[in-house]
N, C-alpha and C. Protein backbone atom coordinates (compact mmCIF):
# COMPACT_ATOMS: atom_id res chain seq x y z
N MET A 1 3.64 -19.37 -32.03
CA MET A 1 4.99 -19.29 -32.51
C MET A 1 5.47 -17.85 -32.65
N GLY A 2 4.58 -16.96 -33.05
CA GLY A 2 4.98 -15.57 -33.21
C GLY A 2 5.44 -14.95 -31.91
N SER A 3 4.70 -15.18 -30.83
CA SER A 3 5.09 -14.65 -29.52
C SER A 3 6.43 -15.22 -29.10
N PHE A 4 6.60 -16.51 -29.28
CA PHE A 4 7.84 -17.18 -28.90
C PHE A 4 9.02 -16.57 -29.65
N LYS A 5 8.87 -16.41 -30.95
CA LYS A 5 9.96 -15.86 -31.74
C LYS A 5 10.27 -14.41 -31.36
N ASN A 6 9.22 -13.60 -31.22
CA ASN A 6 9.42 -12.19 -30.92
C ASN A 6 9.90 -11.95 -29.49
N GLU A 7 9.34 -12.68 -28.53
CA GLU A 7 9.66 -12.44 -27.13
C GLU A 7 10.93 -13.12 -26.66
N LEU A 8 11.32 -14.20 -27.30
CA LEU A 8 12.49 -14.93 -26.82
C LEU A 8 13.60 -15.01 -27.86
N ILE A 9 13.32 -15.64 -28.96
CA ILE A 9 14.38 -15.97 -29.92
C ILE A 9 15.05 -14.72 -30.49
N ARG A 10 14.27 -13.80 -31.01
CA ARG A 10 14.87 -12.60 -31.62
C ARG A 10 15.40 -11.63 -30.57
N ARG A 11 14.70 -11.50 -29.45
CA ARG A 11 15.07 -10.51 -28.45
C ARG A 11 16.31 -10.89 -27.67
N GLN A 12 16.51 -12.18 -27.41
CA GLN A 12 17.62 -12.59 -26.54
C GLN A 12 18.80 -13.21 -27.29
N GLY A 13 18.69 -13.33 -28.61
CA GLY A 13 19.80 -13.90 -29.38
C GLY A 13 20.94 -12.92 -29.49
N PRO A 14 22.03 -13.25 -30.09
CA PRO A 14 22.33 -14.53 -30.72
C PRO A 14 22.62 -15.62 -29.68
N TRP A 15 22.37 -16.85 -30.08
CA TRP A 15 22.48 -18.00 -29.20
C TRP A 15 23.81 -18.71 -29.43
N ARG A 16 24.39 -19.21 -28.35
CA ARG A 16 25.68 -19.92 -28.46
C ARG A 16 25.51 -21.30 -29.08
N ASP A 17 24.48 -22.04 -28.63
CA ASP A 17 24.29 -23.40 -29.14
C ASP A 17 22.85 -23.85 -28.91
N VAL A 18 22.53 -25.03 -29.37
CA VAL A 18 21.18 -25.56 -29.28
C VAL A 18 20.77 -25.76 -27.82
N ASN A 19 21.69 -26.18 -26.98
CA ASN A 19 21.37 -26.39 -25.56
C ASN A 19 20.88 -25.10 -24.91
N GLN A 20 21.50 -23.99 -25.22
CA GLN A 20 21.08 -22.71 -24.67
C GLN A 20 19.66 -22.37 -25.13
N VAL A 21 19.34 -22.64 -26.37
CA VAL A 21 17.99 -22.40 -26.89
C VAL A 21 16.99 -23.31 -26.20
N GLU A 22 17.32 -24.58 -25.99
CA GLU A 22 16.41 -25.52 -25.34
C GLU A 22 16.09 -25.09 -23.91
N ILE A 23 17.08 -24.68 -23.16
CA ILE A 23 16.86 -24.25 -21.78
C ILE A 23 16.01 -22.98 -21.75
N ALA A 24 16.34 -22.02 -22.60
CA ALA A 24 15.57 -20.78 -22.65
C ALA A 24 14.13 -21.05 -23.08
N THR A 25 13.93 -21.99 -23.99
CA THR A 25 12.58 -22.34 -24.44
C THR A 25 11.77 -22.94 -23.30
N ALA A 26 12.34 -23.85 -22.54
CA ALA A 26 11.65 -24.45 -21.41
C ALA A 26 11.26 -23.39 -20.38
N GLU A 27 12.18 -22.48 -20.09
CA GLU A 27 11.88 -21.40 -19.15
C GLU A 27 10.77 -20.49 -19.67
N TRP A 28 10.80 -20.19 -20.97
CA TRP A 28 9.78 -19.33 -21.57
C TRP A 28 8.40 -19.99 -21.51
N VAL A 29 8.33 -21.29 -21.77
CA VAL A 29 7.05 -22.01 -21.74
C VAL A 29 6.47 -21.98 -20.33
N VAL A 30 7.29 -22.19 -19.32
CA VAL A 30 6.81 -22.12 -17.93
C VAL A 30 6.29 -20.72 -17.65
N TRP A 31 7.03 -19.70 -18.01
CA TRP A 31 6.58 -18.32 -17.80
C TRP A 31 5.27 -18.04 -18.55
N PHE A 32 5.19 -18.46 -19.80
CA PHE A 32 4.02 -18.21 -20.64
C PHE A 32 2.76 -18.85 -20.05
N ASN A 33 2.89 -20.03 -19.46
CA ASN A 33 1.73 -20.74 -18.93
C ASN A 33 1.39 -20.38 -17.48
N THR A 34 2.34 -19.87 -16.72
CA THR A 34 2.08 -19.66 -15.29
C THR A 34 2.07 -18.20 -14.85
N GLU A 35 2.70 -17.32 -15.60
CA GLU A 35 2.83 -15.93 -15.15
C GLU A 35 2.23 -14.89 -16.11
N ARG A 36 2.22 -15.17 -17.39
CA ARG A 36 1.81 -14.18 -18.38
C ARG A 36 0.30 -14.18 -18.54
N PRO A 37 -0.36 -13.05 -18.23
CA PRO A 37 -1.81 -12.99 -18.45
C PRO A 37 -2.13 -12.95 -19.94
N HIS A 38 -3.23 -13.59 -20.31
CA HIS A 38 -3.64 -13.66 -21.71
C HIS A 38 -4.95 -12.91 -21.89
N GLU A 39 -4.98 -11.99 -22.81
CA GLU A 39 -6.18 -11.19 -23.06
C GLU A 39 -7.36 -12.09 -23.44
N HIS A 40 -7.10 -13.11 -24.22
CA HIS A 40 -8.16 -14.03 -24.67
C HIS A 40 -8.77 -14.78 -23.48
N LEU A 41 -8.05 -14.91 -22.39
CA LEU A 41 -8.53 -15.61 -21.19
C LEU A 41 -8.94 -14.63 -20.10
N ASP A 42 -9.41 -13.44 -20.50
CA ASP A 42 -9.80 -12.39 -19.54
C ASP A 42 -8.68 -12.05 -18.58
N ASP A 43 -7.47 -12.00 -19.10
CA ASP A 43 -6.26 -11.66 -18.36
C ASP A 43 -5.90 -12.65 -17.26
N PHE A 44 -6.36 -13.88 -17.40
CA PHE A 44 -5.88 -14.97 -16.55
C PHE A 44 -4.70 -15.62 -17.25
N THR A 45 -3.88 -16.31 -16.47
CA THR A 45 -2.84 -17.14 -17.08
C THR A 45 -3.49 -18.44 -17.53
N PRO A 46 -2.89 -19.16 -18.47
CA PRO A 46 -3.46 -20.44 -18.86
C PRO A 46 -3.60 -21.40 -17.67
N GLU A 47 -2.65 -21.38 -16.78
CA GLU A 47 -2.70 -22.24 -15.59
C GLU A 47 -3.91 -21.89 -14.72
N ALA A 48 -4.15 -20.60 -14.48
CA ALA A 48 -5.28 -20.17 -13.66
C ALA A 48 -6.61 -20.47 -14.35
N ALA A 49 -6.67 -20.27 -15.66
CA ALA A 49 -7.91 -20.56 -16.40
C ALA A 49 -8.23 -22.05 -16.36
N GLU A 50 -7.22 -22.87 -16.49
CA GLU A 50 -7.44 -24.32 -16.43
C GLU A 50 -7.91 -24.74 -15.04
N LYS A 51 -7.33 -24.15 -13.99
CA LYS A 51 -7.76 -24.46 -12.63
C LYS A 51 -9.22 -24.06 -12.41
N LEU A 52 -9.59 -22.87 -12.86
CA LEU A 52 -10.99 -22.43 -12.73
C LEU A 52 -11.93 -23.40 -13.46
N HIS A 53 -11.53 -23.82 -14.64
CA HIS A 53 -12.35 -24.73 -15.44
C HIS A 53 -12.59 -26.04 -14.68
N TYR A 54 -11.53 -26.65 -14.17
CA TYR A 54 -11.69 -27.94 -13.50
C TYR A 54 -12.35 -27.79 -12.13
N ASP A 55 -12.10 -26.69 -11.44
CA ASP A 55 -12.80 -26.44 -10.17
C ASP A 55 -14.29 -26.33 -10.41
N HIS A 56 -14.68 -25.67 -11.48
CA HIS A 56 -16.09 -25.51 -11.82
C HIS A 56 -16.71 -26.86 -12.16
N ARG A 57 -15.99 -27.70 -12.87
CA ARG A 57 -16.51 -29.02 -13.25
C ARG A 57 -16.70 -29.93 -12.05
N ARG A 58 -15.87 -29.76 -11.00
CA ARG A 58 -15.96 -30.61 -9.82
C ARG A 58 -17.04 -30.15 -8.84
N THR A 59 -17.48 -28.90 -8.98
CA THR A 59 -18.48 -28.37 -8.07
C THR A 59 -19.85 -28.97 -8.41
N PRO A 60 -20.47 -29.64 -7.44
CA PRO A 60 -21.79 -30.22 -7.75
C PRO A 60 -22.83 -29.13 -7.99
N ILE A 61 -23.75 -29.42 -8.90
CA ILE A 61 -24.81 -28.48 -9.22
C ILE A 61 -25.93 -28.65 -8.19
N MET A 62 -26.31 -27.55 -7.57
CA MET A 62 -27.37 -27.59 -6.57
C MET A 62 -28.72 -27.56 -7.29
N THR A 63 -29.60 -28.46 -6.94
CA THR A 63 -30.93 -28.48 -7.52
C THR A 63 -31.96 -28.17 -6.45
N GLY A 64 -33.06 -27.58 -6.87
CA GLY A 64 -34.08 -27.13 -5.93
C GLY A 64 -35.00 -28.21 -5.57
């Protein structure tokens, strides 16, 4: 919530109406999940980290 408020709500306001906030929020969520690297995820985006996770789970383990 802190990032959302600081990066979108406070920085781009004042807002005309609730619809404008809803559209901006949807756009921000897409950006946050697909384009913004996250330090906690070794600078991957959440989308890329999730893809790596599921790709790893689908890869069969080779046994000797």
